[in-house]
Amino acid sequence: MLSLAMLLLVGTAVLPLLNVYWEPAKWIYAFGAVLALAERLTERYQGSNLRIRRLYMMGKISALLYCISAYLLIFSPTGKTTDWLAFLMAGAVMQTYCMLVYDHVAKKEQQGKKQK
């Protein structure tokens, strides 16, 4: 579900950057953002590693940033059409960090279990 949401976000976020203004793309982007948030809110971490638990929370915050971005894309209160990009980039950076660090911590945890 998260993969589909990310594809929708990337696919429709590129259009305004290429000066393609297709009105339904905004709503498809918003659907992708809400889908990402729904997936992040339903995932749970059952382990006891505090660092991984924090990474899961950061993933939820990044999905929330995508939703704020979608809101600004559709209902821009300042009239600027680039405000949404800041929230999209912040969410993307947070999500990339979470993915990279999660892989590193998970490998470390697996090595620790093998040694015991």
PDB file of N, CA and C in Angstrom:
ATOM      1  N   MET A   1       0.828  -1.188   0.000  1.00  0.00           N
ATOM      2  CA  MET A   1       0.000   0.000   0.000  1.00  0.00           C
ATOM      3  C   MET A   1       0.877   1.259   0.000  1.00  0.00           C
ATOM      4  N   LEU A   2       1.973   1.211   0.750  1.00  0.00           N
ATOM      5  CA  LEU A   2       2.864   2.369   0.794  1.00  0.00           C
ATOM      6  C   LEU A   2       3.549   2.584  -0.551  1.00  0.00           C
ATOM      7  N   SER A   3       3.865   1.510  -1.234  1.00  0.00           N
ATOM      8  CA  SER A   3       4.488   1.631  -2.559  1.00  0.00           C
ATOM      9  C   SER A   3       3.555   2.311  -3.546  1.00  0.00           C
ATOM     10  N   LEU A   4       2.293   1.929  -3.517  1.00  0.00           N
ATOM     11  CA  LEU A   4       1.307   2.566  -4.388  1.00  0.00           C
ATOM     12  C   LEU A   4       1.166   4.041  -4.044  1.00  0.00           C
ATOM     13  N   ALA A   5       1.126   4.355  -2.762  1.00  0.00           N
ATOM     14  CA  ALA A   5       1.005   5.746  -2.337  1.00  0.00           C
ATOM     15  C   ALA A   5       2.194   6.574  -2.806  1.00  0.00           C
ATOM     16  N   MET A   6       3.389   6.005  -2.691  1.00  0.00           N
ATOM     17  CA  MET A   6       4.593   6.736  -3.121  1.00  0.00           C
ATOM     18  C   MET A   6       4.600   6.936  -4.639  1.00  0.00           C
ATOM     19  N   LEU A   7       4.137   5.932  -5.386  1.00  0.00           N
ATOM     20  CA  LEU A   7       4.049   6.086  -6.836  1.00  0.00           C
ATOM     21  C   LEU A   7       3.066   7.184  -7.218  1.00  0.00           C
ATOM     22  N   LEU A   8       1.936   7.236  -6.539  1.00  0.00           N
ATOM     23  CA  LEU A   8       0.958   8.297  -6.805  1.00  0.00           C
ATOM     24  C   LEU A   8       1.534   9.667  -6.467  1.00  0.00           C
ATOM     25  N   LEU A   9       2.228   9.750  -5.340  1.00  0.00           N
ATOM     26  CA  LEU A   9       2.820  11.029  -4.937  1.00  0.00           C
ATOM     27  C   LEU A   9       3.872  11.502  -5.935  1.00  0.00           C
ATOM     28  N   VAL A  10       4.776  10.631  -6.281  1.00  0.00           N
ATOM     29  CA  VAL A  10       5.853  11.018  -7.204  1.00  0.00           C
ATOM     30  C   VAL A  10       5.303  11.316  -8.596  1.00  0.00           C
ATOM     31  N   GLY A  11       4.421  10.466  -9.069  1.00  0.00           N
ATOM     32  CA  GLY A  11       3.866  10.656 -10.408  1.00  0.00           C
ATOM     33  C   GLY A  11       3.126  11.957 -10.579  1.00  0.00           C
ATOM     34  N   THR A  12       2.374  12.335  -9.579  1.00  0.00           N
ATOM     35  CA  THR A  12       1.599  13.568  -9.702  1.00  0.00           C
ATOM     36  C   THR A  12       2.371  14.797  -9.237  1.00  0.00           C
ATOM     37  N   ALA A  13       3.404  14.624  -8.428  1.00  0.00           N
ATOM     38  CA  ALA A  13       4.206  15.773  -7.994  1.00  0.00           C
ATOM     39  C   ALA A  13       5.110  16.266  -9.111  1.00  0.00           C
ATOM     40  N   VAL A  14       5.459  15.387 -10.011  1.00  0.00           N
ATOM     41  CA  VAL A  14       6.337  15.772 -11.118  1.00  0.00           C
ATOM     42  C   VAL A  14       5.602  16.643 -12.130  1.00  0.00           C
ATOM     43  N   LEU A  15       4.306  16.446 -12.279  1.00  0.00           N
ATOM     44  CA  LEU A  15       3.545  17.178 -13.295  1.00  0.00           C
ATOM     45  C   LEU A  15       3.637  18.700 -13.150  1.00  0.00           C
ATOM     46  N   PRO A  16       3.378  19.290 -11.973  1.00  0.00           N
ATOM     47  CA  PRO A  16       3.504  20.744 -11.872  1.00  0.00           C
ATOM     48  C   PRO A  16       4.935  21.244 -12.092  1.00  0.00           C
ATOM     49  N   LEU A  17       5.903  20.413 -11.774  1.00  0.00           N
ATOM     50  CA  LEU A  17       7.288  20.808 -11.989  1.00  0.00           C
ATOM     51  C   LEU A  17       7.633  20.847 -13.477  1.00  0.00           C
ATOM     52  N   LEU A  18       6.896  20.084 -14.279  1.00  0.00           N
ATOM     53  CA  LEU A  18       7.080  20.081 -15.730  1.00  0.00           C
ATOM     54  C   LEU A  18       6.118  21.029 -16.438  1.00  0.00           C
ATOM     55  N   ASN A  19       5.455  21.891 -15.660  1.00  0.00           N
ATOM     56  CA  ASN A  19       4.456  22.842 -16.171  1.00  0.00           C
ATOM     57  C   ASN A  19       3.274  22.154 -16.847  1.00  0.00           C
ATOM     58  N   VAL A  20       2.915  20.986 -16.345  1.00  0.00           N
ATOM     59  CA  VAL A  20       1.716  20.286 -16.792  1.00  0.00           C
ATOM     60  C   VAL A  20       0.686  20.461 -15.687  1.00  0.00           C
ATOM     61  N   TYR A  21      -0.334  21.238 -15.950  1.00  0.00           N
ATOM     62  CA  TYR A  21      -1.347  21.523 -14.928  1.00  0.00           C
ATOM     63  C   TYR A  21      -2.636  20.805 -15.284  1.00  0.00           C
ATOM     64  N   TRP A  22      -2.757  19.616 -14.761  1.00  0.00           N
ATOM     65  CA  TRP A  22      -3.937  18.787 -14.944  1.00  0.00           C
ATOM     66  C   TRP A  22      -4.657  18.765 -13.611  1.00  0.00           C
ATOM     67  N   GLU A  23      -5.832  19.319 -13.552  1.00  0.00           N
ATOM     68  CA  GLU A  23      -6.542  19.526 -12.289  1.00  0.00           C
ATOM     69  C   GLU A  23      -6.751  18.246 -11.471  1.00  0.00           C
ATOM     70  N   PRO A  24      -7.134  17.119 -12.071  1.00  0.00           N
ATOM     71  CA  PRO A  24      -7.287  15.904 -11.250  1.00  0.00           C
ATOM     72  C   PRO A  24      -5.996  15.408 -10.610  1.00  0.00           C
ATOM     73  N   ALA A  25      -4.844  15.845 -11.096  1.00  0.00           N
ATOM     74  CA  ALA A  25      -3.571  15.398 -10.517  1.00  0.00           C
ATOM     75  C   ALA A  25      -3.447  15.839  -9.066  1.00  0.00           C
ATOM     76  N   LYS A  26      -4.007  16.990  -8.731  1.00  0.00           N
ATOM     77  CA  LYS A  26      -3.969  17.455  -7.343  1.00  0.00           C
ATOM     78  C   LYS A  26      -4.708  16.490  -6.417  1.00  0.00           C
ATOM     79  N   TRP A  27      -5.839  16.024  -6.894  1.00  0.00           N
ATOM     80  CA  TRP A  27      -6.646  15.124  -6.070  1.00  0.00           C
ATOM     81  C   TRP A  27      -6.035  13.727  -6.008  1.00  0.00           C
ATOM     82  N   ILE A  28      -5.385  13.306  -7.067  1.00  0.00           N
ATOM     83  CA  ILE A  28      -4.670  12.024  -7.050  1.00  0.00           C
ATOM     84  C   ILE A  28      -3.503  12.110  -6.076  1.00  0.00           C
ATOM     85  N   TYR A  29      -2.818  13.258  -6.065  1.00  0.00           N
ATOM     86  CA  TYR A  29      -1.727  13.482  -5.118  1.00  0.00           C
ATOM     87  C   TYR A  29      -2.260  13.410  -3.680  1.00  0.00           C
ATOM     88  N   ALA A  30      -3.390  14.054  -3.443  1.00  0.00           N
ATOM     89  CA  ALA A  30      -3.993  14.041  -2.107  1.00  0.00           C
ATOM     90  C   ALA A  30      -4.388  12.619  -1.705  1.00  0.00           C
ATOM     91  N   PHE A  31      -4.906  11.854  -2.645  1.00  0.00           N
ATOM     92  CA  PHE A  31      -5.259  10.464  -2.351  1.00  0.00           C
ATOM     93  C   PHE A  31      -4.017   9.663  -1.971  1.00  0.00           C
ATOM     94  N   GLY A  32      -2.928   9.876  -2.693  1.00  0.00           N
ATOM     95  CA  GLY A  32      -1.673   9.198  -2.370  1.00  0.00           C
ATOM     96  C   GLY A  32      -1.172   9.576  -0.986  1.00  0.00           C
ATOM     97  N   ALA A  33      -1.302  10.853  -0.627  1.00  0.00           N
ATOM     98  CA  ALA A  33      -0.857  11.308   0.691  1.00  0.00           C
ATOM     99  C   ALA A  33      -1.698  10.681   1.805  1.00  0.00           C
ATOM    100  N   VAL A  34      -3.000  10.645   1.611  1.00  0.00           N
ATOM    101  CA  VAL A  34      -3.888  10.043   2.615  1.00  0.00           C
ATOM    102  C   VAL A  34      -3.651   8.537   2.699  1.00  0.00           C
ATOM    103  N   LEU A  35      -3.391   7.909   1.569  1.00  0.00           N
ATOM    104  CA  LEU A  35      -3.096   6.479   1.553  1.00  0.00           C
ATOM    105  C   LEU A  35      -1.801   6.188   2.312  1.00  0.00           C
ATOM    106  N   ALA A  36      -0.798   7.028   2.128  1.00  0.00           N
ATOM    107  CA  ALA A  36       0.465   6.856   2.856  1.00  0.00           C
ATOM    108  C   ALA A  36       0.242   7.035   4.354  1.00  0.00           C
ATOM    109  N   LEU A  37      -0.547   8.029   4.729  1.00  0.00           N
ATOM    110  CA  LEU A  37      -0.828   8.257   6.145  1.00  0.00           C
ATOM    111  C   LEU A  37      -1.601   7.081   6.746  1.00  0.00           C
ATOM    112  N   ALA A  38      -2.582   6.574   6.009  1.00  0.00           N
ATOM    113  CA  ALA A  38      -3.364   5.435   6.515  1.00  0.00           C
ATOM    114  C   ALA A  38      -2.478   4.211   6.714  1.00  0.00           C
ATOM    115  N   GLU A  39      -1.562   3.979   5.784  1.00  0.00           N
ATOM    116  CA  GLU A  39      -0.672   2.824   5.924  1.00  0.00           C
ATOM    117  C   GLU A  39       0.266   3.007   7.099  1.00  0.00           C
ATOM    118  N   ARG A  40       0.806   4.198   7.253  1.00  0.00           N
ATOM    119  CA  ARG A  40       1.740   4.452   8.362  1.00  0.00           C
ATOM    120  C   ARG A  40       1.049   4.365   9.718  1.00  0.00           C
ATOM    121  N   LEU A  41      -0.195   4.799   9.792  1.00  0.00           N
ATOM    122  CA  LEU A  41      -0.914   4.747  11.063  1.00  0.00           C
ATOM    123  C   LEU A  41      -1.298   3.322  11.461  1.00  0.00           C
ATOM    124  N   THR A  42      -1.429   2.440  10.481  1.00  0.00           N
ATOM    125  CA  THR A  42      -1.829   1.071  10.801  1.00  0.00           C
ATOM    126  C   THR A  42      -0.653   0.146  11.070  1.00  0.00           C
ATOM    127  N   GLU A  43       0.568   0.552  10.689  1.00  0.00           N
ATOM    128  CA  GLU A  43       1.712  -0.326  10.949  1.00  0.00           C
ATOM    129  C   GLU A  43       2.147  -0.203  12.404  1.00  0.00           C
ATOM    130  N   ARG A  44       2.533  -1.321  12.967  1.00  0.00           N
ATOM    131  CA  ARG A  44       2.945  -1.377  14.367  1.00  0.00           C
ATOM    132  C   ARG A  44       4.293  -2.063  14.475  1.00  0.00           C
ATOM    133  N   TYR A  45       5.072  -1.627  15.438  1.00  0.00           N
ATOM    134  CA  TYR A  45       6.334  -2.292  15.742  1.00  0.00           C
ATOM    135  C   TYR A  45       6.165  -2.991  17.080  1.00  0.00           C
ATOM    136  N   GLN A  46       6.361  -4.295  17.093  1.00  0.00           N
ATOM    137  CA  GLN A  46       6.130  -5.092  18.296  1.00  0.00           C
ATOM    138  C   GLN A  46       7.395  -5.328  19.120  1.00  0.00           C
ATOM    139  N   GLY A  47       8.541  -4.915  18.599  1.00  0.00           N
ATOM    140  CA  GLY A  47       9.793  -5.166  19.299  1.00  0.00           C
ATOM    141  C   GLY A  47      10.041  -4.189  20.433  1.00  0.00           C
ATOM    142  N   SER A  48      11.216  -4.320  21.033  1.00  0.00           N
ATOM    143  CA  SER A  48      11.550  -3.476  22.174  1.00  0.00           C
ATOM    144  C   SER A  48      12.649  -2.462  21.861  1.00  0.00           C
ATOM    145  N   ASN A  49      13.104  -2.409  20.618  1.00  0.00           N
ATOM    146  CA  ASN A  49      14.165  -1.485  20.234  1.00  0.00           C
ATOM    147  C   ASN A  49      13.602  -0.070  20.151  1.00  0.00           C
ATOM    148  N   LEU A  50      14.092   0.803  21.014  1.00  0.00           N
ATOM    149  CA  LEU A  50      13.586   2.168  21.079  1.00  0.00           C
ATOM    150  C   LEU A  50      13.910   2.952  19.811  1.00  0.00           C
ATOM    151  N   ARG A  51      15.051   2.689  19.233  1.00  0.00           N
ATOM    152  CA  ARG A  51      15.442   3.423  18.028  1.00  0.00           C
ATOM    153  C   ARG A  51      14.512   3.100  16.863  1.00  0.00           C
ATOM    154  N   ILE A  52      14.162   1.840  16.713  1.00  0.00           N
ATOM    155  CA  ILE A  52      13.237   1.460  15.638  1.00  0.00           C
ATOM    156  C   ILE A  52      11.855   2.038  15.906  1.00  0.00           C
ATOM    157  N   ARG A  53      11.455   2.066  17.166  1.00  0.00           N
ATOM    158  CA  ARG A  53      10.162   2.664  17.515  1.00  0.00           C
ATOM    159  C   ARG A  53      10.127   4.141  17.128  1.00  0.00           C
ATOM    160  N   ARG A  54      11.235   4.853  17.339  1.00  0.00           N
ATOM    161  CA  ARG A  54      11.320   6.262  16.943  1.00  0.00           C
ATOM    162  C   ARG A  54      11.280   6.412  15.427  1.00  0.00           C
ATOM    163  N   LEU A  55      11.915   5.490  14.722  1.00  0.00           N
ATOM    164  CA  LEU A  55      11.892   5.546  13.260  1.00  0.00           C
ATOM    165  C   LEU A  55      10.475   5.347  12.724  1.00  0.00           C
ATOM    166  N   TYR A  56       9.716   4.481  13.356  1.00  0.00           N
ATOM    167  CA  TYR A  56       8.326   4.302  12.958  1.00  0.00           C
ATOM    168  C   TYR A  56       7.533   5.597  13.179  1.00  0.00           C
ATOM    169  N   MET A  57       7.804   6.289  14.273  1.00  0.00           N
ATOM    170  CA  MET A  57       7.120   7.553  14.542  1.00  0.00           C
ATOM    171  C   MET A  57       7.517   8.608  13.507  1.00  0.00           C
ATOM    172  N   MET A  58       8.782   8.619  13.133  1.00  0.00           N
ATOM    173  CA  MET A  58       9.227   9.562  12.104  1.00  0.00           C
ATOM    174  C   MET A  58       8.554   9.265  10.770  1.00  0.00           C
ATOM    175  N   GLY A  59       8.314   8.007  10.472  1.00  0.00           N
ATOM    176  CA  GLY A  59       7.593   7.645   9.253  1.00  0.00           C
ATOM    177  C   GLY A  59       6.176   8.184   9.267  1.00  0.00           C
ATOM    178  N   LYS A  60       5.548   8.144  10.432  1.00  0.00           N
ATOM    179  CA  LYS A  60       4.192   8.696  10.550  1.00  0.00           C
ATOM    180  C   LYS A  60       4.197  10.202  10.369  1.00  0.00           C
ATOM    181  N   ILE A  61       5.218  10.860  10.892  1.00  0.00           N
ATOM    182  CA  ILE A  61       5.328  12.312  10.732  1.00  0.00           C
ATOM    183  C   ILE A  61       5.566  12.660   9.266  1.00  0.00           C
ATOM    184  N   SER A  62       6.371  11.866   8.578  1.00  0.00           N
ATOM    185  CA  SER A  62       6.605  12.144   7.157  1.00  0.00           C
ATOM    186  C   SER A  62       5.315  12.004   6.350  1.00  0.00           C
ATOM    187  N   ALA A  63       4.494  11.023   6.674  1.00  0.00           N
ATOM    188  CA  ALA A  63       3.210  10.871   5.986  1.00  0.00           C
ATOM    189  C   ALA A  63       2.289  12.040   6.294  1.00  0.00           C
ATOM    190  N   LEU A  64       2.345  12.552   7.513  1.00  0.00           N
ATOM    191  CA  LEU A  64       1.559  13.734   7.862  1.00  0.00           C
ATOM    192  C   LEU A  64       2.033  14.950   7.067  1.00  0.00           C
ATOM    193  N   LEU A  65       3.332  15.062   6.861  1.00  0.00           N
ATOM    194  CA  LEU A  65       3.870  16.152   6.041  1.00  0.00           C
ATOM    195  C   LEU A  65       3.374  16.055   4.603  1.00  0.00           C
ATOM    196  N   TYR A  66       3.219  14.834   4.091  1.00  0.00           N
ATOM    197  CA  TYR A  66       2.660  14.664   2.749  1.00  0.00           C
ATOM    198  C   TYR A  66       1.222  15.170   2.689  1.00  0.00           C
ATOM    199  N   CYS A  67       0.466  14.924   3.751  1.00  0.00           N
ATOM    200  CA  CYS A  67      -0.925  15.401   3.777  1.00  0.00           C
ATOM    201  C   CYS A  67      -0.993  16.921   3.847  1.00  0.00           C
ATOM    202  N   ILE A  68      -0.108  17.526   4.607  1.00  0.00           N
ATOM    203  CA  ILE A  68      -0.050  18.988   4.655  1.00  0.00           C
ATOM    204  C   ILE A  68       0.330  19.528   3.284  1.00  0.00           C
ATOM    205  N   SER A  69       1.239  18.854   2.628  1.00  0.00           N
ATOM    206  CA  SER A  69       1.648  19.241   1.284  1.00  0.00           C
ATOM    207  C   SER A  69       0.462  19.181   0.319  1.00  0.00           C
ATOM    208  N   ALA A  70      -0.321  18.128   0.418  1.00  0.00           N
ATOM    209  CA  ALA A  70      -1.498  17.992  -0.446  1.00  0.00           C
ATOM    210  C   ALA A  70      -2.503  19.101  -0.174  1.00  0.00           C
ATOM    211  N   TYR A  71      -2.699  19.428   1.090  1.00  0.00           N
ATOM    212  CA  TYR A  71      -3.610  20.528   1.431  1.00  0.00           C
ATOM    213  C   TYR A  71      -3.140  21.835   0.801  1.00  0.00           C
ATOM    214  N   LEU A  72      -1.853  22.111   0.913  1.00  0.00           N
ATOM    215  CA  LEU A  72      -1.324  23.350   0.346  1.00  0.00           C
ATOM    216  C   LEU A  72      -1.356  23.347  -1.176  1.00  0.00           C
ATOM    217  N   LEU A  73      -1.238  22.189  -1.776  1.00  0.00           N
ATOM    218  CA  LEU A  73      -1.323  22.102  -3.225  1.00  0.00           C
ATOM    219  C   LEU A  73      -2.731  22.436  -3.711  1.00  0.00           C
ATOM    220  N   ILE A  74      -3.718  21.959  -2.979  1.00  0.00           N
ATOM    221  CA  ILE A  74      -5.108  22.170  -3.411  1.00  0.00           C
ATOM    222  C   ILE A  74      -5.647  23.513  -2.939  1.00  0.00           C
ATOM    223  N   PHE A  75      -5.440  23.852  -1.685  1.00  0.00           N
ATOM    224  CA  PHE A  75      -6.007  25.066  -1.092  1.00  0.00           C
ATOM    225  C   PHE A  75      -4.900  26.006  -0.639  1.00  0.00           C
ATOM    226  N   SER A  76      -4.113  26.508  -1.535  1.00  0.00           N
ATOM    227  CA  SER A  76      -2.998  27.374  -1.166  1.00  0.00           C
ATOM    228  C   SER A  76      -3.512  28.697  -0.620  1.00  0.00           C
ATOM    229  N   PRO A  77      -3.331  28.967   0.700  1.00  0.00           N
ATOM    230  CA  PRO A  77      -3.861  30.197   1.286  1.00  0.00           C
ATOM    231  C   PRO A  77      -3.077  31.446   0.876  1.00  0.00           C
ATOM    232  N   THR A  78      -1.820  31.273   0.503  1.00  0.00           N
ATOM    233  CA  THR A  78      -1.012  32.445   0.149  1.00  0.00           C
ATOM    234  C   THR A  78      -1.034  32.735  -1.340  1.00  0.00           C
ATOM    235  N   GLY A  79      -1.572  31.844  -2.110  1.00  0.00           N
ATOM    236  CA  GLY A  79      -1.603  32.032  -3.546  1.00  0.00           C
ATOM    237  C   GLY A  79      -0.343  31.527  -4.236  1.00  0.00           C
ATOM    238  N   LYS A  80       0.676  31.177  -3.469  1.00  0.00           N
ATOM    239  CA  LYS A  80       1.892  30.624  -4.068  1.00  0.00           C
ATOM    240  C   LYS A  80       1.667  29.153  -4.375  1.00  0.00           C
ATOM    241  N   THR A  81       2.160  28.744  -5.494  1.00  0.00           N
ATOM    242  CA  THR A  81       1.960  27.345  -5.861  1.00  0.00           C
ATOM    243  C   THR A  81       3.148  26.474  -5.479  1.00  0.00           C
ATOM    244  N   THR A  82       4.163  27.039  -4.850  1.00  0.00           N
ATOM    245  CA  THR A  82       5.337  26.240  -4.495  1.00  0.00           C
ATOM    246  C   THR A  82       5.448  25.954  -3.002  1.00  0.00           C
ATOM    247  N   ASP A  83       4.515  26.417  -2.201  1.00  0.00           N
ATOM    248  CA  ASP A  83       4.566  26.159  -0.764  1.00  0.00           C
ATOM    249  C   ASP A  83       4.512  24.663  -0.451  1.00  0.00           C
ATOM    250  N   TRP A  84       3.758  23.933  -1.220  1.00  0.00           N
ATOM    251  CA  TRP A  84       3.593  22.509  -0.980  1.00  0.00           C
ATOM    252  C   TRP A  84       4.893  21.739  -1.164  1.00  0.00           C
ATOM    253  N   LEU A  85       5.792  22.259  -1.983  1.00  0.00           N
ATOM    254  CA  LEU A  85       7.050  21.563  -2.235  1.00  0.00           C
ATOM    255  C   LEU A  85       7.917  21.437  -0.987  1.00  0.00           C
ATOM    256  N   ALA A  86       7.873  22.447  -0.124  1.00  0.00           N
ATOM    257  CA  ALA A  86       8.676  22.403   1.098  1.00  0.00           C
ATOM    258  C   ALA A  86       8.253  21.231   1.984  1.00  0.00           C
ATOM    259  N   PHE A  87       6.965  21.031   2.132  1.00  0.00           N
ATOM    260  CA  PHE A  87       6.477  19.925   2.956  1.00  0.00           C
ATOM    261  C   PHE A  87       6.717  18.572   2.279  1.00  0.00           C
ATOM    262  N   LEU A  88       6.614  18.543   0.955  1.00  0.00           N
ATOM    263  CA  LEU A  88       6.909  17.308   0.228  1.00  0.00           C
ATOM    264  C   LEU A  88       8.373  16.921   0.414  1.00  0.00           C
ATOM    265  N   MET A  89       9.264  17.883   0.285  1.00  0.00           N
ATOM    266  CA  MET A  89      10.694  17.599   0.438  1.00  0.00           C
ATOM    267  C   MET A  89      11.047  17.198   1.876  1.00  0.00           C
ATOM    268  N   ALA A  90      10.442  17.867   2.852  1.00  0.00           N
ATOM    269  CA  ALA A  90      10.692  17.511   4.251  1.00  0.00           C
ATOM    270  C   ALA A  90      10.238  16.080   4.531  1.00  0.00           C
ATOM    271  N   GLY A  91       9.059  15.713   4.043  1.00  0.00           N
ATOM    272  CA  GLY A  91       8.570  14.350   4.219  1.00  0.00           C
ATOM    273  C   GLY A  91       9.441  13.327   3.510  1.00  0.00           C
ATOM    274  N   ALA A  92       9.909  13.671   2.320  1.00  0.00           N
ATOM    275  CA  ALA A  92      10.751  12.754   1.558  1.00  0.00           C
ATOM    276  C   ALA A  92      12.103  12.542   2.239  1.00  0.00           C
ATOM    277  N   VAL A  93      12.675  13.618   2.769  1.00  0.00           N
ATOM    278  CA  VAL A  93      13.967  13.497   3.468  1.00  0.00           C
ATOM    279  C   VAL A  93      13.803  12.645   4.724  1.00  0.00           C
ATOM    280  N   MET A  94      12.736  12.889   5.480  1.00  0.00           N
ATOM    281  CA  MET A  94      12.499  12.094   6.693  1.00  0.00           C
ATOM    282  C   MET A  94      12.293  10.624   6.354  1.00  0.00           C
ATOM    283  N   GLN A  95      11.529  10.359   5.309  1.00  0.00           N
ATOM    284  CA  GLN A  95      11.256   8.974   4.954  1.00  0.00           C
ATOM    285  C   GLN A  95      12.518   8.275   4.449  1.00  0.00           C
ATOM    286  N   THR A  96      13.330   8.971   3.680  1.00  0.00           N
ATOM    287  CA  THR A  96      14.581   8.385   3.202  1.00  0.00           C
ATOM    288  C   THR A  96      15.506   8.071   4.365  1.00  0.00           C
ATOM    289  N   TYR A  97      15.601   8.995   5.307  1.00  0.00           N
ATOM    290  CA  TYR A  97      16.427   8.766   6.494  1.00  0.00           C
ATOM    291  C   TYR A  97      15.923   7.543   7.265  1.00  0.00           C
ATOM    292  N   CYS A  98      14.627   7.460   7.449  1.00  0.00           N
ATOM    293  CA  CYS A  98      14.052   6.328   8.189  1.00  0.00           C
ATOM    294  C   CYS A  98      14.363   4.996   7.516  1.00  0.00           C
ATOM    295  N   MET A  99      14.233   4.956   6.197  1.00  0.00           N
ATOM    296  CA  MET A  99      14.501   3.711   5.486  1.00  0.00           C
ATOM    297  C   MET A  99      15.957   3.292   5.627  1.00  0.00           C
ATOM    298  N   LEU A 100      16.870   4.238   5.453  1.00  0.00           N
ATOM    299  CA  LEU A 100      18.290   3.907   5.522  1.00  0.00           C
ATOM    300  C   LEU A 100      18.711   3.484   6.924  1.00  0.00           C
ATOM    301  N   VAL A 101      18.277   4.224   7.926  1.00  0.00           N
ATOM    302  CA  VAL A 101      18.658   3.906   9.300  1.00  0.00           C
ATOM    303  C   VAL A 101      17.984   2.618   9.762  1.00  0.00           C
ATOM    304  N   TYR A 102      16.744   2.398   9.357  1.00  0.00           N
ATOM    305  CA  TYR A 102      16.056   1.172   9.740  1.00  0.00           C
ATOM    306  C   TYR A 102      16.803  -0.057   9.228  1.00  0.00           C
ATOM    307  N   ASP A 103      17.256   0.000   7.972  1.00  0.00           N
ATOM    308  CA  ASP A 103      18.015  -1.130   7.436  1.00  0.00           C
ATOM    309  C   ASP A 103      19.287  -1.366   8.243  1.00  0.00           C
ATOM    310  N   HIS A 104      19.969  -0.297   8.589  1.00  0.00           N
ATOM    311  CA  HIS A 104      21.212  -0.416   9.360  1.00  0.00           C
ATOM    312  C   HIS A 104      20.951  -1.004  10.749  1.00  0.00           C
ATOM    313  N   VAL A 105      19.947  -0.500  11.428  1.00  0.00           N
ATOM    314  CA  VAL A 105      19.632  -0.974  12.784  1.00  0.00           C
ATOM    315  C   VAL A 105      19.126  -2.415  12.748  1.00  0.00           C
ATOM    316  N   ALA A 106      18.325  -2.764  11.746  1.00  0.00           N
ATOM    317  CA  ALA A 106      17.810  -4.125  11.649  1.00  0.00           C
ATOM    318  C   ALA A 106      18.949  -5.119  11.418  1.00  0.00           C
ATOM    319  N   LYS A 107      19.920  -4.757  10.594  1.00  0.00           N
ATOM    320  CA  LYS A 107      21.072  -5.636  10.369  1.00  0.00           C
ATOM    321  C   LYS A 107      21.876  -5.802  11.650  1.00  0.00           C
ATOM    322  N   LYS A 108      22.061  -4.711  12.382  1.00  0.00           N
ATOM    323  CA  LYS A 108      22.783  -4.781  13.648  1.00  0.00           C
ATOM    324  C   LYS A 108      22.067  -5.696  14.642  1.00  0.00           C
ATOM    325  N   GLU A 109      20.749  -5.565  14.687  1.00  0.00           N
ATOM    326  CA  GLU A 109      19.953  -6.372  15.606  1.00  0.00           C
ATOM    327  C   GLU A 109      20.035  -7.855  15.234  1.00  0.00           C
ATOM    328  N   GLN A 110      20.011  -8.158  13.950  1.00  0.00           N
ATOM    329  CA  GLN A 110      20.131  -9.551  13.502  1.00  0.00           C
ATOM    330  C   GLN A 110      21.491 -10.129  13.855  1.00  0.00           C
ATOM    331  N   GLN A 111      22.549  -9.322  13.705  1.00  0.00           N
ATOM    332  CA  GLN A 111      23.885  -9.791  14.059  1.00  0.00           C
ATOM    333  C   GLN A 111      23.991 -10.049  15.556  1.00  0.00           C
ATOM    334  N   GLY A 112      23.349  -9.200  16.351  1.00  0.00           N
ATOM    335  CA  GLY A 112      23.350  -9.394  17.800  1.00  0.00           C
ATOM    336  C   GLY A 112      22.646 -10.666  18.204  1.00  0.00           C
ATOM    337  N   LYS A 113      21.558 -11.018  17.507  1.00  0.00           N
ATOM    338  CA  LYS A 113      20.824 -12.239  17.810  1.00  0.00           C
ATOM    339  C   LYS A 113      21.615 -13.483  17.401  1.00  0.00           C
ATOM    340  N   LYS A 114      22.369 -13.374  16.312  1.00  0.00           N
ATOM    341  CA  LYS A 114      23.173 -14.516  15.862  1.00  0.00           C
ATOM    342  C   LYS A 114      24.310 -14.813  16.825  1.00  0.00           C
ATOM    343  N   GLN A 115      24.862 -13.764  17.445  1.00  0.00           N
ATOM    344  CA  GLN A 115      25.966 -13.948  18.363  1.00  0.00           C
ATOM    345  C   GLN A 115      25.530 -14.576  19.680  1.00  0.00           C
ATOM    346  N   LYS A 116      24.288 -14.401  20.046  1.00  0.00           N
ATOM    347  CA  LYS A 116      23.791 -14.949  21.322  1.00  0.00           C
ATOM    348  C   LYS A 116      23.467 -16.378  21.219  1.00  0.00           C
TER     349      LYS A 116
END
